[in-house]
């Protein structure tokens, strides 16, 4: 009888562990599905963004933008420096 009780106790312990593992595997599968769904949504959003922005990028006047950085920005900084000197003195 003592052997039967010990065996029943061990079997019950194993059964509880298996139930716990089953629950963990189920949670893991649900999380994997959610992650996969989230990745798909992110890819779709990037594709939508690329489709909306792509025509504007292609029509961007690149030479004018470079000119803006090379000429206008240093000129603006020079004007700010002159204004600061005038205000300071």
PDB file of N, CA and C in Angstrom:
ATOM      1  N   UNK A   1       0.802  -1.190   0.000  1.00  0.00           N
ATOM      2  CA  UNK A   1       0.000   0.000   0.000  1.00  0.00           C
ATOM      3  C   UNK A   1       0.851   1.263   0.000  1.00  0.00           C
ATOM      4  N   UNK A   2       1.929   1.223   0.753  1.00  0.00           N
ATOM      5  CA  UNK A   2       2.802   2.393   0.798  1.00  0.00           C
ATOM      6  C   UNK A   2       3.406   2.659  -0.576  1.00  0.00           C
ATOM      7  N   UNK A   3       3.687   1.552  -1.291  1.00  0.00           N
ATOM      8  CA  UNK A   3       4.249   1.691  -2.634  1.00  0.00           C
ATOM      9  C   UNK A   3       3.220   2.303  -3.571  1.00  0.00           C
ATOM     10  N   UNK A   4       1.964   1.868  -3.441  1.00  0.00           N
ATOM     11  CA  UNK A   4       0.895   2.417  -4.280  1.00  0.00           C
ATOM     12  C   UNK A   4       0.687   3.901  -4.014  1.00  0.00           C
ATOM     13  N   UNK A   5       0.717   4.305  -2.739  1.00  0.00           N
ATOM     14  CA  UNK A   5       0.549   5.726  -2.405  1.00  0.00           C
ATOM     15  C   UNK A   5       1.707   6.551  -2.958  1.00  0.00           C
ATOM     16  N   UNK A   6       2.938   6.002  -2.823  1.00  0.00           N
ATOM     17  CA  UNK A   6       4.114   6.707  -3.337  1.00  0.00           C
ATOM     18  C   UNK A   6       4.030   6.843  -4.853  1.00  0.00           C
ATOM     19  N   UNK A   7       3.599   5.739  -5.508  1.00  0.00           N
ATOM     20  CA  UNK A   7       3.458   5.748  -6.964  1.00  0.00           C
ATOM     21  C   UNK A   7       2.371   6.734  -7.399  1.00  0.00           C
ATOM     22  N   UNK A   8       1.241   6.739  -6.699  1.00  0.00           N
ATOM     23  CA  UNK A   8       0.162   7.686  -7.013  1.00  0.00           C
ATOM     24  C   UNK A   8       0.615   9.133  -6.822  1.00  0.00           C
ATOM     25  N   UNK A   9       1.370   9.361  -5.750  1.00  0.00           N
ATOM     26  CA  UNK A   9       1.858  10.711  -5.481  1.00  0.00           C
ATOM     27  C   UNK A   9       2.814  11.168  -6.587  1.00  0.00           C
ATOM     28  N   UNK A  10       3.692  10.280  -7.012  1.00  0.00           N
ATOM     29  CA  UNK A  10       4.647  10.616  -8.068  1.00  0.00           C
ATOM     30  C   UNK A  10       3.938  10.835  -9.405  1.00  0.00           C
ATOM     31  N   UNK A  11       2.948   9.982  -9.686  1.00  0.00           N
ATOM     32  CA  UNK A  11       2.187  10.155 -10.924  1.00  0.00           C
ATOM     33  C   UNK A  11       1.415  11.467 -10.926  1.00  0.00           C
ATOM     34  N   UNK A  12       0.850  11.813  -9.767  1.00  0.00           N
ATOM     35  CA  UNK A  12       0.110  13.070  -9.652  1.00  0.00           C
ATOM     36  C   UNK A  12       1.065  14.262  -9.853  1.00  0.00           C
ATOM     37  N   UNK A  13       2.265  14.147  -9.303  1.00  0.00           N
ATOM     38  CA  UNK A  13       3.274  15.194  -9.461  1.00  0.00           C
ATOM     39  C   UNK A  13       3.665  15.345 -10.931  1.00  0.00           C
ATOM     40  N   UNK A  14       3.875  14.237 -11.602  1.00  0.00           N
ATOM     41  CA  UNK A  14       4.216  14.264 -13.033  1.00  0.00           C
ATOM     42  C   UNK A  14       3.071  14.856 -13.843  1.00  0.00           C
ATOM     43  N   UNK A  15       1.855  14.502 -13.498  1.00  0.00           N
ATOM     44  CA  UNK A  15       0.677  15.021 -14.197  1.00  0.00           C
ATOM     45  C   UNK A  15       0.572  16.540 -14.036  1.00  0.00           C
ATOM     46  N   UNK A  16       0.828  17.037 -12.824  1.00  0.00           N
ATOM     47  CA  UNK A  16       0.793  18.484 -12.594  1.00  0.00           C
ATOM     48  C   UNK A  16       1.868  19.198 -13.412  1.00  0.00           C
ATOM     49  N   UNK A  17       3.049  18.596 -13.469  1.00  0.00           N
ATOM     50  CA  UNK A  17       4.141  19.189 -14.261  1.00  0.00           C
ATOM     51  C   UNK A  17       3.779  19.208 -15.744  1.00  0.00           C
ATOM     52  N   UNK A  18       3.161  18.130 -16.220  1.00  0.00           N
ATOM     53  CA  UNK A  18       2.747  18.082 -17.625  1.00  0.00           C
ATOM     54  C   UNK A  18       1.673  19.134 -17.918  1.00  0.00           C
ATOM     55  N   UNK A  19       0.742  19.314 -16.986  1.00  0.00           N
ATOM     56  CA  UNK A  19      -0.278  20.352 -17.163  1.00  0.00           C
ATOM     57  C   UNK A  19       0.365  21.736 -17.227  1.00  0.00           C
ATOM     58  N   UNK A  20       1.351  21.971 -16.362  1.00  0.00           N
ATOM     59  CA  UNK A  20       2.055  23.249 -16.368  1.00  0.00           C
ATOM     60  C   UNK A  20       2.778  23.451 -17.696  1.00  0.00           C
ATOM     61  N   UNK A  21       3.468  22.427 -18.167  1.00  0.00           N
ATOM     62  CA  UNK A  21       4.181  22.516 -19.446  1.00  0.00           C
ATOM     63  C   UNK A  21       3.209  22.753 -20.604  1.00  0.00           C
ATOM     64  N   UNK A  22       2.067  22.093 -20.570  1.00  0.00           N
ATOM     65  CA  UNK A  22       1.066  22.289 -21.624  1.00  0.00           C
ATOM     66  C   UNK A  22       0.599  23.738 -21.658  1.00  0.00           C
ATOM     67  N   UNK A  23       0.361  24.306 -20.486  1.00  0.00           N
ATOM     68  CA  UNK A  23      -0.048  25.704 -20.415  1.00  0.00           C
ATOM     69  C   UNK A  23       1.030  26.637 -20.947  1.00  0.00           C
ATOM     70  N   UNK A  24       2.288  26.356 -20.604  1.00  0.00           N
ATOM     71  CA  UNK A  24       3.391  27.194 -21.077  1.00  0.00           C
ATOM     72  C   UNK A  24       3.553  27.103 -22.593  1.00  0.00           C
ATOM     73  N   UNK A  25       3.421  25.905 -23.140  1.00  0.00           N
ATOM     74  CA  UNK A  25       3.528  25.733 -24.596  1.00  0.00           C
ATOM     75  C   UNK A  25       2.396  26.484 -25.297  1.00  0.00           C
ATOM     76  N   UNK A  26       1.208  26.427 -24.738  1.00  0.00           N
ATOM     77  CA  UNK A  26       0.068  27.137 -25.318  1.00  0.00           C
ATOM     78  C   UNK A  26       0.308  28.646 -25.296  1.00  0.00           C
ATOM     79  N   UNK A  27       0.783  29.173 -24.161  1.00  0.00           N
ATOM     80  CA  UNK A  27       1.081  30.606 -24.070  1.00  0.00           C
ATOM     81  C   UNK A  27       2.155  30.998 -25.071  1.00  0.00           C
ATOM     82  N   UNK A  28       3.176  30.165 -25.194  1.00  0.00           N
ATOM     83  CA  UNK A  28       4.254  30.445 -26.135  1.00  0.00           C
ATOM     84  C   UNK A  28       3.741  30.483 -27.572  1.00  0.00           C
ATOM     85  N   UNK A  29       2.864  29.565 -27.918  1.00  0.00           N
ATOM     86  CA  UNK A  29       2.303  29.538 -29.276  1.00  0.00           C
ATOM     87  C   UNK A  29       1.474  30.796 -29.542  1.00  0.00           C
ATOM     88  N   UNK A  30       0.697  31.225 -28.540  1.00  0.00           N
ATOM     89  CA  UNK A  30      -0.113  32.434 -28.703  1.00  0.00           C
ATOM     90  C   UNK A  30       0.793  33.647 -28.867  1.00  0.00           C
ATOM     91  N   UNK A  31       1.856  33.742 -28.068  1.00  0.00           N
ATOM     92  CA  UNK A  31       2.775  34.874 -28.173  1.00  0.00           C
ATOM     93  C   UNK A  31       3.477  34.879 -29.531  1.00  0.00           C
ATOM     94  N   UNK A  32       3.864  33.721 -30.020  1.00  0.00           N
ATOM     95  CA  UNK A  32       4.522  33.635 -31.322  1.00  0.00           C
ATOM     96  C   UNK A  32       3.583  34.113 -32.421  1.00  0.00           C
ATOM     97  N   UNK A  33       2.314  33.758 -32.316  1.00  0.00           N
ATOM     98  CA  UNK A  33       1.322  34.194 -33.295  1.00  0.00           C
ATOM     99  C   UNK A  33       1.165  35.716 -33.249  1.00  0.00           C
ATOM    100  N   UNK A  34       1.120  36.276 -32.046  1.00  0.00           N
ATOM    101  CA  UNK A  34       0.995  37.725 -31.902  1.00  0.00           C
ATOM    102  C   UNK A  34       2.217  38.435 -32.465  1.00  0.00           C
ATOM    103  N   UNK A  35       3.404  37.911 -32.202  1.00  0.00           N
ATOM    104  CA  UNK A  35       4.628  38.513 -32.725  1.00  0.00           C
ATOM    105  C   UNK A  35       4.623  38.455 -34.241  1.00  0.00           C
ATOM    106  N   UNK A  36       4.269  37.327 -34.793  1.00  0.00           N
ATOM    107  CA  UNK A  36       4.219  37.177 -36.252  1.00  0.00           C
ATOM    108  C   UNK A  36       3.225  38.154 -36.859  1.00  0.00           C
ATOM    109  N   UNK A  37       2.060  38.298 -36.221  1.00  0.00           N
ATOM    110  CA  UNK A  37       1.050  39.231 -36.701  1.00  0.00           C
ATOM    111  C   UNK A  37       1.567  40.671 -36.624  1.00  0.00           C
ATOM    112  N   UNK A  38       2.247  40.998 -35.539  1.00  0.00           N
ATOM    113  CA  UNK A  38       2.819  42.345 -35.386  1.00  0.00           C
ATOM    114  C   UNK A  38       3.874  42.635 -36.447  1.00  0.00           C
ATOM    115  N   UNK A  39       4.730  41.660 -36.727  1.00  0.00           N
ATOM    116  CA  UNK A  39       5.751  41.837 -37.764  1.00  0.00           C
ATOM    117  C   UNK A  39       5.103  42.064 -39.127  1.00  0.00           C
ATOM    118  N   UNK A  40       4.051  41.328 -39.414  1.00  0.00           N
ATOM    119  CA  UNK A  40       3.343  41.504 -40.683  1.00  0.00           C
ATOM    120  C   UNK A  40       2.744  42.902 -40.778  1.00  0.00           C
ATOM    121  N   UNK A  41       2.146  43.384 -39.679  1.00  0.00           N
ATOM    122  CA  UNK A  41       1.572  44.727 -39.677  1.00  0.00           C
ATOM    123  C   UNK A  41       2.644  45.788 -39.899  1.00  0.00           C
ATOM    124  N   UNK A  42       3.801  45.613 -39.266  1.00  0.00           N
ATOM    125  CA  UNK A  42       4.890  46.576 -39.444  1.00  0.00           C
ATOM    126  C   UNK A  42       5.369  46.586 -40.895  1.00  0.00           C
ATOM    127  N   UNK A  43       5.514  45.414 -41.490  1.00  0.00           N
ATOM    128  CA  UNK A  43       5.927  45.344 -42.899  1.00  0.00           C
ATOM    129  C   UNK A  43       4.911  46.033 -43.798  1.00  0.00           C
ATOM    130  N   UNK A  44       3.626  45.817 -43.524  1.00  0.00           N
ATOM    131  CA  UNK A  44       2.583  46.457 -44.328  1.00  0.00           C
ATOM    132  C   UNK A  44       2.603  47.971 -44.167  1.00  0.00           C
ATOM    133  N   UNK A  45       2.833  48.451 -42.949  1.00  0.00           N
ATOM    134  CA  UNK A  45       2.913  49.895 -42.730  1.00  0.00           C
ATOM    135  C   UNK A  45       4.100  50.509 -43.452  1.00  0.00           C
ATOM    136  N   UNK A  46       5.260  49.834 -43.412  1.00  0.00           N
ATOM    137  CA  UNK A  46       6.425  50.350 -44.132  1.00  0.00           C
ATOM    138  C   UNK A  46       6.174  50.354 -45.641  1.00  0.00           C
ATOM    139  N   UNK A  47       5.525  49.321 -46.156  1.00  0.00           N
ATOM    140  CA  UNK A  47       5.221  49.279 -47.587  1.00  0.00           C
ATOM    141  C   UNK A  47       4.289  50.437 -47.965  1.00  0.00           C
ATOM    142  N   UNK A  48       3.297  50.709 -47.125  1.00  0.00           N
ATOM    143  CA  UNK A  48       2.375  51.816 -47.377  1.00  0.00           C
ATOM    144  C   UNK A  48       3.127  53.144 -47.347  1.00  0.00           C
ATOM    145  N   UNK A  49       3.993  53.319 -46.349  1.00  0.00           N
ATOM    146  CA  UNK A  49       4.774  54.553 -46.234  1.00  0.00           C
ATOM    147  C   UNK A  49       5.686  54.720 -47.452  1.00  0.00           C
ATOM    148  N   UNK A  50       6.352  53.652 -47.861  1.00  0.00           N
ATOM    149  CA  UNK A  50       7.249  53.724 -49.017  1.00  0.00           C
ATOM    150  C   UNK A  50       6.481  54.108 -50.276  1.00  0.00           C
ATOM    151  N   UNK A  51       5.276  53.577 -50.434  1.00  0.00           N
ATOM    152  CA  UNK A  51       4.475  53.914 -51.612  1.00  0.00           C
ATOM    153  C   UNK A  51       4.049  55.377 -51.608  1.00  0.00           C
ATOM    154  N   UNK A  52       3.800  55.940 -50.426  1.00  0.00           N
ATOM    155  CA  UNK A  52       3.377  57.335 -50.348  1.00  0.00           C
ATOM    156  C   UNK A  52       4.546  58.296 -50.516  1.00  0.00           C
ATOM    157  N   UNK A  53       5.711  57.934 -50.016  1.00  0.00           N
ATOM    158  CA  UNK A  53       6.857  58.842 -50.008  1.00  0.00           C
ATOM    159  C   UNK A  53       7.678  58.721 -51.285  1.00  0.00           C
ATOM    160  N   UNK A  54       7.705  57.569 -51.879  1.00  0.00           N
ATOM    161  CA  UNK A  54       8.558  57.319 -53.032  1.00  0.00           C
ATOM    162  C   UNK A  54       8.393  58.340 -54.159  1.00  0.00           C
ATOM    163  N   UNK A  55       7.182  58.708 -54.575  1.00  0.00           N
ATOM    164  CA  UNK A  55       7.070  59.696 -55.657  1.00  0.00           C
ATOM    165  C   UNK A  55       7.664  61.054 -55.274  1.00  0.00           C
ATOM    166  N   UNK A  56       7.562  61.430 -54.013  1.00  0.00           N
ATOM    167  CA  UNK A  56       8.099  62.716 -53.579  1.00  0.00           C
ATOM    168  C   UNK A  56       9.615  62.707 -53.542  1.00  0.00           C
ATOM    169  N   UNK A  57      10.176  61.573 -53.160  1.00  0.00           N
ATOM    170  CA  UNK A  57      11.630  61.465 -53.118  1.00  0.00           C
ATOM    171  C   UNK A  57      12.194  61.515 -54.529  1.00  0.00           C
ATOM    172  N   UNK A  58      11.534  60.870 -55.459  1.00  0.00           N
ATOM    173  CA  UNK A  58      12.020  60.853 -56.835  1.00  0.00           C
ATOM    174  C   UNK A  58      11.953  62.230 -57.470  1.00  0.00           C
ATOM    175  N   UNK A  59      10.980  63.047 -57.059  1.00  0.00           N
ATOM    176  CA  UNK A  59      10.848  64.373 -57.652  1.00  0.00           C
ATOM    177  C   UNK A  59      11.608  65.443 -56.870  1.00  0.00           C
ATOM    178  N   UNK A  60      12.370  65.039 -55.868  1.00  0.00           N
ATOM    179  CA  UNK A  60      13.105  65.989 -55.035  1.00  0.00           C
ATOM    180  C   UNK A  60      14.215  66.647 -55.869  1.00  0.00           C
ATOM    181  N   UNK A  61      14.283  67.975 -55.841  1.00  0.00           N
ATOM    182  CA  UNK A  61      15.345  68.675 -56.585  1.00  0.00           C
ATOM    183  C   UNK A  61      16.665  68.585 -55.823  1.00  0.00           C
ATOM    184  N   UNK A  62      17.408  67.537 -56.062  1.00  0.00           N
ATOM    185  CA  UNK A  62      18.602  67.259 -55.267  1.00  0.00           C
ATOM    186  C   UNK A  62      19.673  68.333 -55.426  1.00  0.00           C
ATOM    187  N   UNK A  63      19.855  68.851 -56.622  1.00  0.00           N
ATOM    188  CA  UNK A  63      20.876  69.877 -56.832  1.00  0.00           C
ATOM    189  C   UNK A  63      20.543  71.141 -56.055  1.00  0.00           C
ATOM    190  N   UNK A  64      19.259  71.497 -56.027  1.00  0.00           N
ATOM    191  CA  UNK A  64      18.854  72.687 -55.290  1.00  0.00           C
ATOM    192  C   UNK A  64      19.046  72.490 -53.786  1.00  0.00           C
ATOM    193  N   UNK A  65      18.805  71.293 -53.303  1.00  0.00           N
ATOM    194  CA  UNK A  65      18.976  71.020 -51.880  1.00  0.00           C
ATOM    195  C   UNK A  65      20.451  71.104 -51.505  1.00  0.00           C
ATOM    196  N   UNK A  66      21.317  70.580 -52.340  1.00  0.00           N
ATOM    197  CA  UNK A  66      22.752  70.684 -52.084  1.00  0.00           C
ATOM    198  C   UNK A  66      23.160  72.153 -52.083  1.00  0.00           C
ATOM    199  N   UNK A  67      22.655  72.922 -53.028  1.00  0.00           N
ATOM    200  CA  UNK A  67      22.961  74.357 -53.082  1.00  0.00           C
ATOM    201  C   UNK A  67      22.499  75.042 -51.802  1.00  0.00           C
ATOM    202  N   UNK A  68      21.341  74.641 -51.320  1.00  0.00           N
ATOM    203  CA  UNK A  68      20.818  75.211 -50.083  1.00  0.00           C
ATOM    204  C   UNK A  68      21.797  74.991 -48.930  1.00  0.00           C
ATOM    205  N   UNK A  69      22.299  73.795 -48.800  1.00  0.00           N
ATOM    206  CA  UNK A  69      23.231  73.502 -47.716  1.00  0.00           C
ATOM    207  C   UNK A  69      24.568  74.196 -47.914  1.00  0.00           C
ATOM    208  N   UNK A  70      25.037  74.299 -49.143  1.00  0.00           N
ATOM    209  CA  UNK A  70      26.372  74.856 -49.403  1.00  0.00           C
ATOM    210  C   UNK A  70      26.373  76.377 -49.321  1.00  0.00           C
ATOM    211  N   UNK A  71      25.308  77.035 -49.766  1.00  0.00           N
ATOM    212  CA  UNK A  71      25.309  78.490 -49.850  1.00  0.00           C
ATOM    213  C   UNK A  71      24.458  79.136 -48.762  1.00  0.00           C
ATOM    214  N   UNK A  72      23.231  78.739 -48.652  1.00  0.00           N
ATOM    215  CA  UNK A  72      22.292  79.461 -47.804  1.00  0.00           C
ATOM    216  C   UNK A  72      22.598  79.252 -46.312  1.00  0.00           C
ATOM    217  N   UNK A  73      22.929  78.058 -45.915  1.00  0.00           N
ATOM    218  CA  UNK A  73      23.175  77.797 -44.499  1.00  0.00           C
ATOM    219  C   UNK A  73      24.396  78.564 -43.997  1.00  0.00           C
ATOM    220  N   UNK A  74      25.558  78.523 -44.680  1.00  0.00           N
ATOM    221  CA  UNK A  74      26.683  79.342 -44.199  1.00  0.00           C
ATOM    222  C   UNK A  74      26.364  80.845 -44.209  1.00  0.00           C
ATOM    223  N   UNK A  75      25.602  81.289 -45.210  1.00  0.00           N
ATOM    224  CA  UNK A  75      25.222  82.698 -45.264  1.00  0.00           C
ATOM    225  C   UNK A  75      24.348  83.054 -44.055  1.00  0.00           C
ATOM    226  N   UNK A  76      23.431  82.204 -43.726  1.00  0.00           N
ATOM    227  CA  UNK A  76      22.577  82.451 -42.569  1.00  0.00           C
ATOM    228  C   UNK A  76      23.374  82.473 -41.276  1.00  0.00           C
ATOM    229  N   UNK A  77      24.330  81.575 -41.160  1.00  0.00           N
ATOM    230  CA  UNK A  77      25.172  81.562 -39.968  1.00  0.00           C
ATOM    231  C   UNK A  77      26.023  82.822 -39.883  1.00  0.00           C
ATOM    232  N   UNK A  78      26.511  83.282 -41.023  1.00  0.00           N
ATOM    233  CA  UNK A  78      27.289  84.531 -41.037  1.00  0.00           C
ATOM    234  C   UNK A  78      26.427  85.703 -40.602  1.00  0.00           C
ATOM    235  N   UNK A  79      25.194  85.766 -41.097  1.00  0.00           N
ATOM    236  CA  UNK A  79      24.296  86.846 -40.690  1.00  0.00           C
ATOM    237  C   UNK A  79      23.990  86.787 -39.191  1.00  0.00           C
ATOM    238  N   UNK A  80      23.816  85.602 -38.662  1.00  0.00           N
ATOM    239  CA  UNK A  80      23.600  85.463 -37.217  1.00  0.00           C
ATOM    240  C   UNK A  80      24.822  85.937 -36.431  1.00  0.00           C
ATOM    241  N   UNK A  81      26.012  85.617 -36.901  1.00  0.00           N
ATOM    242  CA  UNK A  81      27.236  86.059 -36.223  1.00  0.00           C
ATOM    243  C   UNK A  81      27.361  87.564 -36.255  1.00  0.00           C
ATOM    244  N   UNK A  82      27.053  88.184 -37.402  1.00  0.00           N
ATOM    245  CA  UNK A  82      27.099  89.646 -37.519  1.00  0.00           C
ATOM    246  C   UNK A  82      26.063  90.288 -36.580  1.00  0.00           C
ATOM    247  N   UNK A  83      24.866  89.740 -36.568  1.00  0.00           N
ATOM    248  CA  UNK A  83      23.833  90.272 -35.693  1.00  0.00           C
ATOM    249  C   UNK A  83      24.241  90.145 -34.233  1.00  0.00           C
ATOM    250  N   UNK A  84      24.859  89.045 -33.852  1.00  0.00           N
ATOM    251  CA  UNK A  84      25.301  88.865 -32.482  1.00  0.00           C
ATOM    252  C   UNK A  84      26.364  89.882 -32.112  1.00  0.00           C
ATOM    253  N   UNK A  85      27.300  90.148 -33.053  1.00  0.00           N
ATOM    254  CA  UNK A  85      28.356  91.127 -32.801  1.00  0.00           C
ATOM    255  C   UNK A  85      27.782  92.528 -32.643  1.00  0.00           C
ATOM    256  N   UNK A  86      26.794  92.847 -33.483  1.00  0.00           N
ATOM    257  CA  UNK A  86      26.172  94.171 -33.381  1.00  0.00           C
ATOM    258  C   UNK A  86      25.413  94.343 -32.066  1.00  0.00           C
ATOM    259  N   UNK A  87      24.731  93.297 -31.652  1.00  0.00           N
ATOM    260  CA  UNK A  87      23.978  93.374 -30.398  1.00  0.00           C
ATOM    261  C   UNK A  87      24.911  93.427 -29.203  1.00  0.00           C
ATOM    262  N   UNK A  88      25.998  92.684 -29.262  1.00  0.00           N
ATOM    263  CA  UNK A  88      26.946  92.607 -28.149  1.00  0.00           C
ATOM    264  C   UNK A  88      27.693  93.923 -27.954  1.00  0.00           C
ATOM    265  N   UNK A  89      28.013  94.626 -29.045  1.00  0.00           N
ATOM    266  CA  UNK A  89      28.799  95.857 -28.909  1.00  0.00           C
ATOM    267  C   UNK A  89      27.987  97.097 -28.718  1.00  0.00           C
TER     268      UNK A  89
END
